[in-house]
Amino acid sequence: MASKRICLWLVFMIITQSVGEDMRLVRMSSMRGSKFQCGNTTCLPFVNLITSTIMKCQMACLAQIYCRAATFYRSTSICELFADILNQNENMLADADATSMNVIAGTRSPPG
């Protein structure tokens, strides 16, 4: 009985430690009604996901160390993650269905 408790405690500690180490604190700016306009391959998404909410799209981006921006489309629940977006605010296109988010430089903790 005691060995079972110790084993469960060790498993709990391992899970807690691994989750705690993977957590990242990052701030993102949000732009409703805008999406990234990609005229070339330098701003194509590296991942397209289906997520149910903007918050889950944001969390998907924050979970990826290379993600610098994301766009969420409400009607299709598609979340696009971007790694190499240059001059993000200059590459915006109006789209009432989209919400785009940028990682704010210098807010990633621990630094990526």
PDB file of N, CA and C in Angstrom:
ATOM      1  N   MET A   1       0.818  -1.193   0.000  1.00  0.00           N
ATOM      2  CA  MET A   1       0.000   0.000   0.000  1.00  0.00           C
ATOM      3  C   MET A   1       0.864   1.260   0.000  1.00  0.00           C
ATOM      4  N   ALA A   2       1.905   1.264   0.827  1.00  0.00           N
ATOM      5  CA  ALA A   2       2.788   2.434   0.886  1.00  0.00           C
ATOM      6  C   ALA A   2       3.538   2.611  -0.422  1.00  0.00           C
ATOM      7  N   SER A   3       3.941   1.499  -1.047  1.00  0.00           N
ATOM      8  CA  SER A   3       4.667   1.597  -2.313  1.00  0.00           C
ATOM      9  C   SER A   3       3.760   2.147  -3.422  1.00  0.00           C
ATOM     10  N   LYS A   4       2.484   1.827  -3.370  1.00  0.00           N
ATOM     11  CA  LYS A   4       1.536   2.350  -4.356  1.00  0.00           C
ATOM     12  C   LYS A   4       1.400   3.866  -4.199  1.00  0.00           C
ATOM     13  N   ARG A   5       1.328   4.356  -2.959  1.00  0.00           N
ATOM     14  CA  ARG A   5       1.237   5.787  -2.710  1.00  0.00           C
ATOM     15  C   ARG A   5       2.482   6.517  -3.175  1.00  0.00           C
ATOM     16  N   ILE A   6       3.622   5.937  -2.910  1.00  0.00           N
ATOM     17  CA  ILE A   6       4.887   6.547  -3.334  1.00  0.00           C
ATOM     18  C   ILE A   6       4.959   6.602  -4.850  1.00  0.00           C
ATOM     19  N   CYS A   7       4.542   5.531  -5.498  1.00  0.00           N
ATOM     20  CA  CYS A   7       4.551   5.479  -6.962  1.00  0.00           C
ATOM     21  C   CYS A   7       3.619   6.551  -7.546  1.00  0.00           C
ATOM     22  N   LEU A   8       2.407   6.665  -7.002  1.00  0.00           N
ATOM     23  CA  LEU A   8       1.466   7.682  -7.465  1.00  0.00           C
ATOM     24  C   LEU A   8       2.005   9.089  -7.218  1.00  0.00           C
ATOM     25  N   TRP A   9       2.642   9.302  -6.070  1.00  0.00           N
ATOM     26  CA  TRP A   9       3.233  10.604  -5.759  1.00  0.00           C
ATOM     27  C   TRP A   9       4.337  10.947  -6.755  1.00  0.00           C
ATOM     28  N   LEU A  10       5.193   9.964  -7.098  1.00  0.00           N
ATOM     29  CA  LEU A  10       6.264  10.194  -8.070  1.00  0.00           C
ATOM     30  C   LEU A  10       5.703  10.532  -9.450  1.00  0.00           C
ATOM     31  N   VAL A  11       4.681   9.823  -9.875  1.00  0.00           N
ATOM     32  CA  VAL A  11       4.048  10.104 -11.166  1.00  0.00           C
ATOM     33  C   VAL A  11       3.475  11.521 -11.161  1.00  0.00           C
ATOM     34  N   PHE A  12       2.795  11.893 -10.077  1.00  0.00           N
ATOM     35  CA  PHE A  12       2.243  13.241  -9.957  1.00  0.00           C
ATOM     36  C   PHE A  12       3.344  14.293 -10.044  1.00  0.00           C
ATOM     37  N   MET A  13       4.449  14.083  -9.366  1.00  0.00           N
ATOM     38  CA  MET A  13       5.553  15.037  -9.367  1.00  0.00           C
ATOM     39  C   MET A  13       6.188  15.160 -10.757  1.00  0.00           C
ATOM     40  N   ILE A  14       6.320  14.049 -11.452  1.00  0.00           N
ATOM     41  CA  ILE A  14       6.898  14.072 -12.804  1.00  0.00           C
ATOM     42  C   ILE A  14       5.996  14.860 -13.752  1.00  0.00           C
ATOM     43  N   ILE A  15       4.693  14.600 -13.689  1.00  0.00           N
ATOM     44  CA  ILE A  15       3.750  15.308 -14.552  1.00  0.00           C
ATOM     45  C   ILE A  15       3.737  16.791 -14.214  1.00  0.00           C
ATOM     46  N   THR A  16       3.689  17.122 -12.937  1.00  0.00           N
ATOM     47  CA  THR A  16       3.684  18.519 -12.520  1.00  0.00           C
ATOM     48  C   THR A  16       4.941  19.233 -12.977  1.00  0.00           C
ATOM     49  N   GLN A  17       6.084  18.592 -12.841  1.00  0.00           N
ATOM     50  CA  GLN A  17       7.350  19.204 -13.241  1.00  0.00           C
ATOM     51  C   GLN A  17       7.410  19.423 -14.747  1.00  0.00           C
ATOM     52  N   SER A  18       6.991  18.421 -15.532  1.00  0.00           N
ATOM     53  CA  SER A  18       7.069  18.557 -16.990  1.00  0.00           C
ATOM     54  C   SER A  18       6.104  19.615 -17.507  1.00  0.00           C
ATOM     55  N   VAL A  19       4.915  19.716 -16.929  1.00  0.00           N
ATOM     56  CA  VAL A  19       3.964  20.734 -17.342  1.00  0.00           C
ATOM     57  C   VAL A  19       4.479  22.115 -16.943  1.00  0.00           C
ATOM     58  N   GLY A  20       5.007  22.233 -15.760  1.00  0.00           N
ATOM     59  CA  GLY A  20       5.528  23.503 -15.280  1.00  0.00           C
ATOM     60  C   GLY A  20       6.683  24.016 -16.109  1.00  0.00           C
ATOM     61  N   GLU A  21       7.541  23.142 -16.582  1.00  0.00           N
ATOM     62  CA  GLU A  21       8.678  23.560 -17.389  1.00  0.00           C
ATOM     63  C   GLU A  21       8.270  24.014 -18.779  1.00  0.00           C
ATOM     64  N   ASP A  22       7.156  23.493 -19.297  1.00  0.00           N
ATOM     65  CA  ASP A  22       6.744  23.792 -20.657  1.00  0.00           C
ATOM     66  C   ASP A  22       5.896  25.054 -20.751  1.00  0.00           C
ATOM     67  N   MET A  23       5.458  25.585 -19.632  1.00  0.00           N
ATOM     68  CA  MET A  23       4.594  26.758 -19.663  1.00  0.00           C
ATOM     69  C   MET A  23       5.391  27.976 -20.094  1.00  0.00           C
ATOM     70  N   ARG A  24       4.778  28.793 -20.921  1.00  0.00           N
ATOM     71  CA  ARG A  24       5.416  30.010 -21.403  1.00  0.00           C
ATOM     72  C   ARG A  24       4.464  31.170 -21.173  1.00  0.00           C
ATOM     73  N   LEU A  25       5.025  32.289 -20.766  1.00  0.00           N
ATOM     74  CA  LEU A  25       4.246  33.492 -20.598  1.00  0.00           C
ATOM     75  C   LEU A  25       4.606  34.424 -21.738  1.00  0.00           C
ATOM     76  N   VAL A  26       3.638  34.713 -22.583  1.00  0.00           N
ATOM     77  CA  VAL A  26       3.866  35.575 -23.733  1.00  0.00           C
ATOM     78  C   VAL A  26       2.641  36.459 -23.900  1.00  0.00           C
ATOM     79  N   ARG A  27       2.879  37.699 -24.230  1.00  0.00           N
ATOM     80  CA  ARG A  27       1.781  38.612 -24.509  1.00  0.00           C
ATOM     81  C   ARG A  27       1.598  38.709 -26.017  1.00  0.00           C
ATOM     82  N   MET A  28       0.334  38.861 -26.435  1.00  0.00           N
ATOM     83  CA  MET A  28       0.016  38.980 -27.848  1.00  0.00           C
ATOM     84  C   MET A  28      -0.894  40.187 -28.052  1.00  0.00           C
ATOM     85  N   SER A  29      -0.676  40.875 -29.160  1.00  0.00           N
ATOM     86  CA  SER A  29      -1.601  41.940 -29.552  1.00  0.00           C
ATOM     87  C   SER A  29      -2.635  41.327 -30.491  1.00  0.00           C
ATOM     88  N   SER A  30      -3.825  41.887 -30.508  1.00  0.00           N
ATOM     89  CA  SER A  30      -4.912  41.329 -31.308  1.00  0.00           C
ATOM     90  C   SER A  30      -5.477  42.402 -32.233  1.00  0.00           C
ATOM     91  N   MET A  31      -5.795  41.993 -33.473  1.00  0.00           N
ATOM     92  CA  MET A  31      -6.374  42.897 -34.470  1.00  0.00           C
ATOM     93  C   MET A  31      -7.619  42.245 -35.067  1.00  0.00           C
ATOM     94  N   ARG A  32      -8.782  42.681 -34.619  1.00  0.00           N
ATOM     95  CA  ARG A  32     -10.034  42.142 -35.165  1.00  0.00           C
ATOM     96  C   ARG A  32     -10.271  42.680 -36.560  1.00  0.00           C
ATOM     97  N   GLY A  33     -10.832  41.831 -37.408  1.00  0.00           N
ATOM     98  CA  GLY A  33     -11.169  42.255 -38.759  1.00  0.00           C
ATOM     99  C   GLY A  33      -9.976  42.387 -39.686  1.00  0.00           C
ATOM    100  N   SER A  34      -8.872  41.739 -39.334  1.00  0.00           N
ATOM    101  CA  SER A  34      -7.664  41.817 -40.164  1.00  0.00           C
ATOM    102  C   SER A  34      -7.028  40.443 -40.311  1.00  0.00           C
ATOM    103  N   LYS A  35      -6.406  40.227 -41.457  1.00  0.00           N
ATOM    104  CA  LYS A  35      -5.624  39.016 -41.670  1.00  0.00           C
ATOM    105  C   LYS A  35      -4.334  39.401 -42.380  1.00  0.00           C
ATOM    106  N   PHE A  36      -3.369  38.518 -42.329  1.00  0.00           N
ATOM    107  CA  PHE A  36      -2.093  38.772 -42.983  1.00  0.00           C
ATOM    108  C   PHE A  36      -2.248  38.571 -44.479  1.00  0.00           C
ATOM    109  N   GLN A  37      -1.772  39.506 -45.252  1.00  0.00           N
ATOM    110  CA  GLN A  37      -1.820  39.421 -46.710  1.00  0.00           C
ATOM    111  C   GLN A  37      -0.482  38.874 -47.172  1.00  0.00           C
ATOM    112  N   CYS A  38      -0.495  37.683 -47.711  1.00  0.00           N
ATOM    113  CA  CYS A  38       0.742  37.026 -48.114  1.00  0.00           C
ATOM    114  C   CYS A  38       0.903  37.107 -49.629  1.00  0.00           C
ATOM    115  N   GLY A  39       1.770  37.979 -50.066  1.00  0.00           N
ATOM    116  CA  GLY A  39       2.053  38.111 -51.489  1.00  0.00           C
ATOM    117  C   GLY A  39       3.170  37.189 -51.937  1.00  0.00           C
ATOM    118  N   ASN A  40       3.888  36.624 -50.978  1.00  0.00           N
ATOM    119  CA  ASN A  40       4.984  35.707 -51.300  1.00  0.00           C
ATOM    120  C   ASN A  40       5.085  34.643 -50.221  1.00  0.00           C
ATOM    121  N   THR A  41       6.043  33.777 -50.334  1.00  0.00           N
ATOM    122  CA  THR A  41       6.156  32.652 -49.397  1.00  0.00           C
ATOM    123  C   THR A  41       6.732  33.035 -48.053  1.00  0.00           C
ATOM    124  N   THR A  42       7.157  34.273 -47.863  1.00  0.00           N
ATOM    125  CA  THR A  42       7.747  34.642 -46.580  1.00  0.00           C
ATOM    126  C   THR A  42       6.716  34.795 -45.470  1.00  0.00           C
ATOM    127  N   CYS A  43       5.439  34.863 -45.808  1.00  0.00           N
ATOM    128  CA  CYS A  43       4.454  34.969 -44.724  1.00  0.00           C
ATOM    129  C   CYS A  43       3.350  33.925 -44.847  1.00  0.00           C
ATOM    130  N   LEU A  44       3.663  32.769 -45.360  1.00  0.00           N
ATOM    131  CA  LEU A  44       2.706  31.668 -45.385  1.00  0.00           C
ATOM    132  C   LEU A  44       2.688  30.977 -44.027  1.00  0.00           C
ATOM    133  N   PRO A  45       1.510  30.500 -43.574  1.00  0.00           N
ATOM    134  CA  PRO A  45       1.457  29.824 -42.274  1.00  0.00           C
ATOM    135  C   PRO A  45       2.247  28.511 -42.304  1.00  0.00           C
ATOM    136  N   PHE A  46       2.885  28.188 -41.169  1.00  0.00           N
ATOM    137  CA  PHE A  46       3.589  26.914 -41.098  1.00  0.00           C
ATOM    138  C   PHE A  46       2.683  25.813 -40.568  1.00  0.00           C
ATOM    139  N   VAL A  47       1.535  26.188 -39.991  1.00  0.00           N
ATOM    140  CA  VAL A  47       0.559  25.208 -39.514  1.00  0.00           C
ATOM    141  C   VAL A  47      -0.836  25.785 -39.693  1.00  0.00           C
ATOM    142  N   ASN A  48      -1.774  24.947 -40.133  1.00  0.00           N
ATOM    143  CA  ASN A  48      -3.198  25.265 -40.152  1.00  0.00           C
ATOM    144  C   ASN A  48      -3.890  24.275 -39.235  1.00  0.00           C
ATOM    145  N   LEU A  49      -4.626  24.791 -38.249  1.00  0.00           N
ATOM    146  CA  LEU A  49      -5.321  23.943 -37.278  1.00  0.00           C
ATOM    147  C   LEU A  49      -6.802  24.275 -37.285  1.00  0.00           C
ATOM    148  N   ILE A  50      -7.597  23.369 -36.759  1.00  0.00           N
ATOM    149  CA  ILE A  50      -9.000  23.665 -36.504  1.00  0.00           C
ATOM    150  C   ILE A  50      -9.141  23.763 -34.995  1.00  0.00           C
ATOM    151  N   THR A  51      -9.531  24.949 -34.513  1.00  0.00           N
ATOM    152  CA  THR A  51      -9.736  25.176 -33.088  1.00  0.00           C
ATOM    153  C   THR A  51     -11.104  25.797 -32.895  1.00  0.00           C
ATOM    154  N   SER A  52     -11.693  25.605 -31.730  1.00  0.00           N
ATOM    155  CA  SER A  52     -13.061  26.076 -31.521  1.00  0.00           C
ATOM    156  C   SER A  52     -13.153  27.548 -31.136  1.00  0.00           C
ATOM    157  N   THR A  53     -12.058  28.126 -30.606  1.00  0.00           N
ATOM    158  CA  THR A  53     -12.117  29.508 -30.144  1.00  0.00           C
ATOM    159  C   THR A  53     -10.820  30.253 -30.479  1.00  0.00           C
ATOM    160  N   ILE A  54     -10.912  31.574 -30.407  1.00  0.00           N
ATOM    161  CA  ILE A  54      -9.719  32.405 -30.594  1.00  0.00           C
ATOM    162  C   ILE A  54      -8.697  32.090 -29.518  1.00  0.00           C
ATOM    163  N   MET A  55      -9.151  31.870 -28.289  1.00  0.00           N
ATOM    164  CA  MET A  55      -8.242  31.578 -27.175  1.00  0.00           C
ATOM    165  C   MET A  55      -7.442  30.304 -27.450  1.00  0.00           C
ATOM    166  N   LYS A  56      -8.080  29.280 -27.995  1.00  0.00           N
ATOM    167  CA  LYS A  56      -7.356  28.040 -28.298  1.00  0.00           C
ATOM    168  C   LYS A  56      -6.363  28.243 -29.431  1.00  0.00           C
ATOM    169  N   CYS A  57      -6.692  29.110 -30.368  1.00  0.00           N
ATOM    170  CA  CYS A  57      -5.759  29.441 -31.442  1.00  0.00           C
ATOM    171  C   CYS A  57      -4.546  30.153 -30.854  1.00  0.00           C
ATOM    172  N   GLN A  58      -4.806  31.097 -29.962  1.00  0.00           N
ATOM    173  CA  GLN A  58      -3.728  31.818 -29.309  1.00  0.00           C
ATOM    174  C   GLN A  58      -2.850  30.858 -28.497  1.00  0.00           C
ATOM    175  N   MET A  59      -3.469  29.935 -27.774  1.00  0.00           N
ATOM    176  CA  MET A  59      -2.709  28.966 -26.984  1.00  0.00           C
ATOM    177  C   MET A  59      -1.875  28.053 -27.883  1.00  0.00           C
ATOM    178  N   ALA A  60      -2.409  27.702 -29.056  1.00  0.00           N
ATOM    179  CA  ALA A  60      -1.648  26.870 -29.992  1.00  0.00           C
ATOM    180  C   ALA A  60      -0.398  27.600 -30.457  1.00  0.00           C
ATOM    181  N   CYS A  61      -0.521  28.894 -30.705  1.00  0.00           N
ATOM    182  CA  CYS A  61       0.640  29.686 -31.110  1.00  0.00           C
ATOM    183  C   CYS A  61       1.643  29.779 -29.971  1.00  0.00           C
ATOM    184  N   LEU A  62       1.157  30.048 -28.774  1.00  0.00           N
ATOM    185  CA  LEU A  62       2.049  30.211 -27.635  1.00  0.00           C
ATOM    186  C   LEU A  62       2.766  28.907 -27.278  1.00  0.00           C
ATOM    187  N   ALA A  63       2.182  27.779 -27.633  1.00  0.00           N
ATOM    188  CA  ALA A  63       2.814  26.487 -27.364  1.00  0.00           C
ATOM    189  C   ALA A  63       3.959  26.194 -28.329  1.00  0.00           C
ATOM    190  N   GLN A  64       3.998  26.898 -29.457  1.00  0.00           N
ATOM    191  CA  GLN A  64       5.051  26.703 -30.458  1.00  0.00           C
ATOM    192  C   GLN A  64       6.123  27.770 -30.281  1.00  0.00           C
ATOM    193  N   ILE A  65       7.327  27.384 -30.008  1.00  0.00           N
ATOM    194  CA  ILE A  65       8.412  28.331 -29.749  1.00  0.00           C
ATOM    195  C   ILE A  65       8.692  29.229 -30.950  1.00  0.00           C
ATOM    196  N   TYR A  66       8.434  28.754 -32.166  1.00  0.00           N
ATOM    197  CA  TYR A  66       8.731  29.528 -33.373  1.00  0.00           C
ATOM    198  C   TYR A  66       7.550  30.365 -33.860  1.00  0.00           C
ATOM    199  N   CYS A  67       6.406  30.240 -33.226  1.00  0.00           N
ATOM    200  CA  CYS A  67       5.231  30.989 -33.665  1.00  0.00           C
ATOM    201  C   CYS A  67       5.374  32.458 -33.278  1.00  0.00           C
ATOM    202  N   ARG A  68       5.189  33.337 -34.256  1.00  0.00           N
ATOM    203  CA  ARG A  68       5.284  34.780 -34.034  1.00  0.00           C
ATOM    204  C   ARG A  68       3.935  35.471 -34.222  1.00  0.00           C
ATOM    205  N   ALA A  69       2.988  34.790 -34.892  1.00  0.00           N
ATOM    206  CA  ALA A  69       1.679  35.383 -35.142  1.00  0.00           C
ATOM    207  C   ALA A  69       0.675  34.288 -35.477  1.00  0.00           C
ATOM    208  N   ALA A  70      -0.609  34.630 -35.354  1.00  0.00           N
ATOM    209  CA  ALA A  70      -1.677  33.678 -35.672  1.00  0.00           C
ATOM    210  C   ALA A  70      -2.877  34.444 -36.212  1.00  0.00           C
ATOM    211  N   THR A  71      -3.655  33.778 -37.044  1.00  0.00           N
ATOM    212  CA  THR A  71      -4.925  34.325 -37.523  1.00  0.00           C
ATOM    213  C   THR A  71      -5.993  33.271 -37.303  1.00  0.00           C
ATOM    214  N   PHE A  72      -7.122  33.694 -36.712  1.00  0.00           N
ATOM    215  CA  PHE A  72      -8.251  32.804 -36.452  1.00  0.00           C
ATOM    216  C   PHE A  72      -9.443  33.266 -37.275  1.00  0.00           C
ATOM    217  N   TYR A  73     -10.071  32.326 -37.995  1.00  0.00           N
ATOM    218  CA  TYR A  73     -11.262  32.606 -38.811  1.00  0.00           C
ATOM    219  C   TYR A  73     -12.475  32.022 -38.090  1.00  0.00           C
ATOM    220  N   ARG A  74     -13.391  32.884 -37.632  1.00  0.00           N
ATOM    221  CA  ARG A  74     -14.541  32.442 -36.846  1.00  0.00           C
ATOM    222  C   ARG A  74     -15.471  31.501 -37.604  1.00  0.00           C
ATOM    223  N   SER A  75     -15.757  31.767 -38.860  1.00  0.00           N
ATOM    224  CA  SER A  75     -16.747  30.963 -39.593  1.00  0.00           C
ATOM    225  C   SER A  75     -16.269  29.533 -39.859  1.00  0.00           C
ATOM    226  N   THR A  76     -14.972  29.342 -40.023  1.00  0.00           N
ATOM    227  CA  THR A  76     -14.437  28.007 -40.331  1.00  0.00           C
ATOM    228  C   THR A  76     -13.665  27.396 -39.176  1.00  0.00           C
ATOM    229  N   SER A  77     -13.406  28.167 -38.114  1.00  0.00           N
ATOM    230  CA  SER A  77     -12.617  27.736 -36.948  1.00  0.00           C
ATOM    231  C   SER A  77     -11.198  27.335 -37.327  1.00  0.00           C
ATOM    232  N   ILE A  78     -10.690  27.916 -38.409  1.00  0.00           N
ATOM    233  CA  ILE A  78      -9.316  27.629 -38.835  1.00  0.00           C
ATOM    234  C   ILE A  78      -8.381  28.607 -38.149  1.00  0.00           C
ATOM    235  N   CYS A  79      -7.282  28.061 -37.665  1.00  0.00           N
ATOM    236  CA  CYS A  79      -6.243  28.835 -36.999  1.00  0.00           C
ATOM    237  C   CYS A  79      -4.953  28.661 -37.789  1.00  0.00           C
ATOM    238  N   GLU A  80      -4.410  29.761 -38.263  1.00  0.00           N
ATOM    239  CA  GLU A  80      -3.151  29.732 -39.011  1.00  0.00           C
ATOM    240  C   GLU A  80      -2.035  30.247 -38.113  1.00  0.00           C
ATOM    241  N   LEU A  81      -0.933  29.500 -38.044  1.00  0.00           N
ATOM    242  CA  LEU A  81       0.221  29.909 -37.247  1.00  0.00           C
ATOM    243  C   LEU A  81       1.353  30.329 -38.181  1.00  0.00           C
ATOM    244  N   PHE A  82       1.991  31.456 -37.857  1.00  0.00           N
ATOM    245  CA  PHE A  82       3.048  32.013 -38.687  1.00  0.00           C
ATOM    246  C   PHE A  82       4.348  32.093 -37.901  1.00  0.00           C
ATOM    247  N   ALA A  83       5.453  31.795 -38.583  1.00  0.00           N
ATOM    248  CA  ALA A  83       6.776  31.876 -37.951  1.00  0.00           C
ATOM    249  C   ALA A  83       7.546  33.094 -38.440  1.00  0.00           C
ATOM    250  N   ASP A  84       7.607  33.305 -39.718  1.00  0.00           N
ATOM    251  CA  ASP A  84       8.448  34.356 -40.291  1.00  0.00           C
ATOM    252  C   ASP A  84       7.617  35.435 -40.958  1.00  0.00           C
ATOM    253  N   ILE A  85       7.025  36.288 -40.140  1.00  0.00           N
ATOM    254  CA  ILE A  85       6.246  37.397 -40.688  1.00  0.00           C
ATOM    255  C   ILE A  85       7.087  38.648 -40.513  1.00  0.00           C
ATOM    256  N   LEU A  86       7.433  39.275 -41.613  1.00  0.00           N
ATOM    257  CA  LEU A  86       8.196  40.514 -41.568  1.00  0.00           C
ATOM    258  C   LEU A  86       7.250  41.684 -41.756  1.00  0.00           C
ATOM    259  N   ASN A  87       7.450  42.756 -41.027  1.00  0.00           N
ATOM    260  CA  ASN A  87       6.612  43.959 -41.128  1.00  0.00           C
ATOM    261  C   ASN A  87       5.131  43.586 -41.041  1.00  0.00           C
ATOM    262  N   GLN A  88       4.758  42.927 -39.948  1.00  0.00           N
ATOM    263  CA  GLN A  88       3.411  42.384 -39.800  1.00  0.00           C
ATOM    264  C   GLN A  88       2.309  43.411 -40.028  1.00  0.00           C
ATOM    265  N   ASN A  89       2.462  44.600 -39.499  1.00  0.00           N
ATOM    266  CA  ASN A  89       1.397  45.593 -39.625  1.00  0.00           C
ATOM    267  C   ASN A  89       1.265  46.137 -41.040  1.00  0.00           C
ATOM    268  N   GLU A  90       2.287  45.987 -41.862  1.00  0.00           N
ATOM    269  CA  GLU A  90       2.214  46.449 -43.242  1.00  0.00           C
ATOM    270  C   GLU A  90       1.556  45.421 -44.156  1.00  0.00           C
ATOM    271  N   ASN A  91       1.440  44.186 -43.709  1.00  0.00           N
ATOM    272  CA  ASN A  91       0.891  43.111 -44.536  1.00  0.00           C
ATOM    273  C   ASN A  91      -0.516  42.716 -44.102  1.00  0.00           C
ATOM    274  N   MET A  92      -1.343  43.683 -43.735  1.00  0.00           N
ATOM    275  CA  MET A  92      -2.687  43.381 -43.251  1.00  0.00           C
ATOM    276  C   MET A  92      -3.720  43.652 -44.335  1.00  0.00           C
ATOM    277  N   LEU A  93      -4.754  42.817 -44.335  1.00  0.00           N
ATOM    278  CA  LEU A  93      -5.858  42.936 -45.278  1.00  0.00           C
ATOM    279  C   LEU A  93      -7.146  42.864 -44.472  1.00  0.00           C
ATOM    280  N   ALA A  94      -8.117  43.702 -44.769  1.00  0.00           N
ATOM    281  CA  ALA A  94      -9.391  43.700 -44.039  1.00  0.00           C
ATOM    282  C   ALA A  94     -10.150  42.410 -44.311  1.00  0.00           C
ATOM    283  N   ASP A  95     -10.647  41.783 -43.239  1.00  0.00           N
ATOM    284  CA  ASP A  95     -11.461  40.573 -43.330  1.00  0.00           C
ATOM    285  C   ASP A  95     -12.289  40.498 -42.052  1.00  0.00           C
ATOM    286  N   ALA A  96     -13.597  40.747 -42.154  1.00  0.00           N
ATOM    287  CA  ALA A  96     -14.470  40.796 -40.978  1.00  0.00           C
ATOM    288  C   ALA A  96     -14.516  39.479 -40.219  1.00  0.00           C
ATOM    289  N   ASP A  97     -14.201  38.367 -40.869  1.00  0.00           N
ATOM    290  CA  ASP A  97     -14.255  37.041 -40.252  1.00  0.00           C
ATOM    291  C   ASP A  97     -12.977  36.699 -39.479  1.00  0.00           C
ATOM    292  N   ALA A  98     -11.912  37.445 -39.686  1.00  0.00           N
ATOM    293  CA  ALA A  98     -10.597  37.082 -39.144  1.00  0.00           C
ATOM    294  C   ALA A  98     -10.207  37.941 -37.946  1.00  0.00           C
ATOM    295  N   THR A  99      -9.443  37.320 -37.060  1.00  0.00           N
ATOM    296  CA  THR A  99      -8.760  38.034 -35.980  1.00  0.00           C
ATOM    297  C   THR A  99      -7.317  37.581 -36.016  1.00  0.00           C
ATOM    298  N   SER A 100      -6.409  38.537 -36.133  1.00  0.00           N
ATOM    299  CA  SER A 100      -4.979  38.223 -36.179  1.00  0.00           C
ATOM    300  C   SER A 100      -4.317  38.651 -34.884  1.00  0.00           C
ATOM    301  N   MET A 101      -3.321  37.896 -34.481  1.00  0.00           N
ATOM    302  CA  MET A 101      -2.613  38.148 -33.230  1.00  0.00           C
ATOM    303  C   MET A 101      -1.119  38.084 -33.469  1.00  0.00           C
ATOM    304  N   ASN A 102      -0.371  38.999 -32.852  1.00  0.00           N
ATOM    305  CA  ASN A 102       1.091  39.034 -32.945  1.00  0.00           C
ATOM    306  C   ASN A 102       1.692  38.834 -31.564  1.00  0.00           C
ATOM    307  N   VAL A 103       2.762  38.061 -31.494  1.00  0.00           N
ATOM    308  CA  VAL A 103       3.515  37.956 -30.251  1.00  0.00           C
ATOM    309  C   VAL A 103       4.229  39.284 -30.043  1.00  0.00           C
ATOM    310  N   ILE A 104       4.111  39.853 -28.876  1.00  0.00           N
ATOM    311  CA  ILE A 104       4.777  41.117 -28.567  1.00  0.00           C
ATOM    312  C   ILE A 104       6.228  40.809 -28.222  1.00  0.00           C
ATOM    313  N   ALA A 105       7.144  41.399 -28.982  1.00  0.00           N
ATOM    314  CA  ALA A 105       8.579  41.134 -28.810  1.00  0.00           C
ATOM    315  C   ALA A 105       9.028  41.422 -27.380  1.00  0.00           C
ATOM    316  N   GLY A 106       9.856  40.525 -26.865  1.00  0.00           N
ATOM    317  CA  GLY A 106      10.431  40.707 -25.540  1.00  0.00           C
ATOM    318  C   GLY A 106       9.569  40.255 -24.395  1.00  0.00           C
ATOM    319  N   THR A 107       8.396  39.641 -24.678  1.00  0.00           N
ATOM    320  CA  THR A 107       7.536  39.214 -23.585  1.00  0.00           C
ATOM    321  C   THR A 107       7.578  37.715 -23.346  1.00  0.00           C
ATOM    322  N   ARG A 108       8.289  36.954 -24.180  1.00  0.00           N
ATOM    323  CA  ARG A 108       8.339  35.506 -24.009  1.00  0.00           C
ATOM    324  C   ARG A 108       9.180  35.165 -22.790  1.00  0.00           C
ATOM    325  N   SER A 109       8.615  34.329 -21.912  1.00  0.00           N
ATOM    326  CA  SER A 109       9.315  33.917 -20.706  1.00  0.00           C
ATOM    327  C   SER A 109       9.127  32.422 -20.533  1.00  0.00           C
ATOM    328  N   PRO A 110      10.158  31.613 -20.543  1.00  0.00           N
ATOM    329  CA  PRO A 110      11.550  32.001 -20.700  1.00  0.00           C
ATOM    330  C   PRO A 110      11.831  32.405 -22.145  1.00  0.00           C
ATOM    331  N   PRO A 111      12.856  33.227 -22.387  1.00  0.00           N
ATOM    332  CA  PRO A 111      13.155  33.685 -23.748  1.00  0.00           C
ATOM    333  C   PRO A 111      13.386  32.507 -24.676  1.00  0.00           C
ATOM    334  N   GLY A 112      12.821  32.593 -25.880  1.00  0.00           N
ATOM    335  CA  GLY A 112      12.945  31.510 -26.852  1.00  0.00           C
ATOM    336  C   GLY A 112      14.186  31.661 -27.608  1.00  0.00           C
TER     337      GLY A 112
END
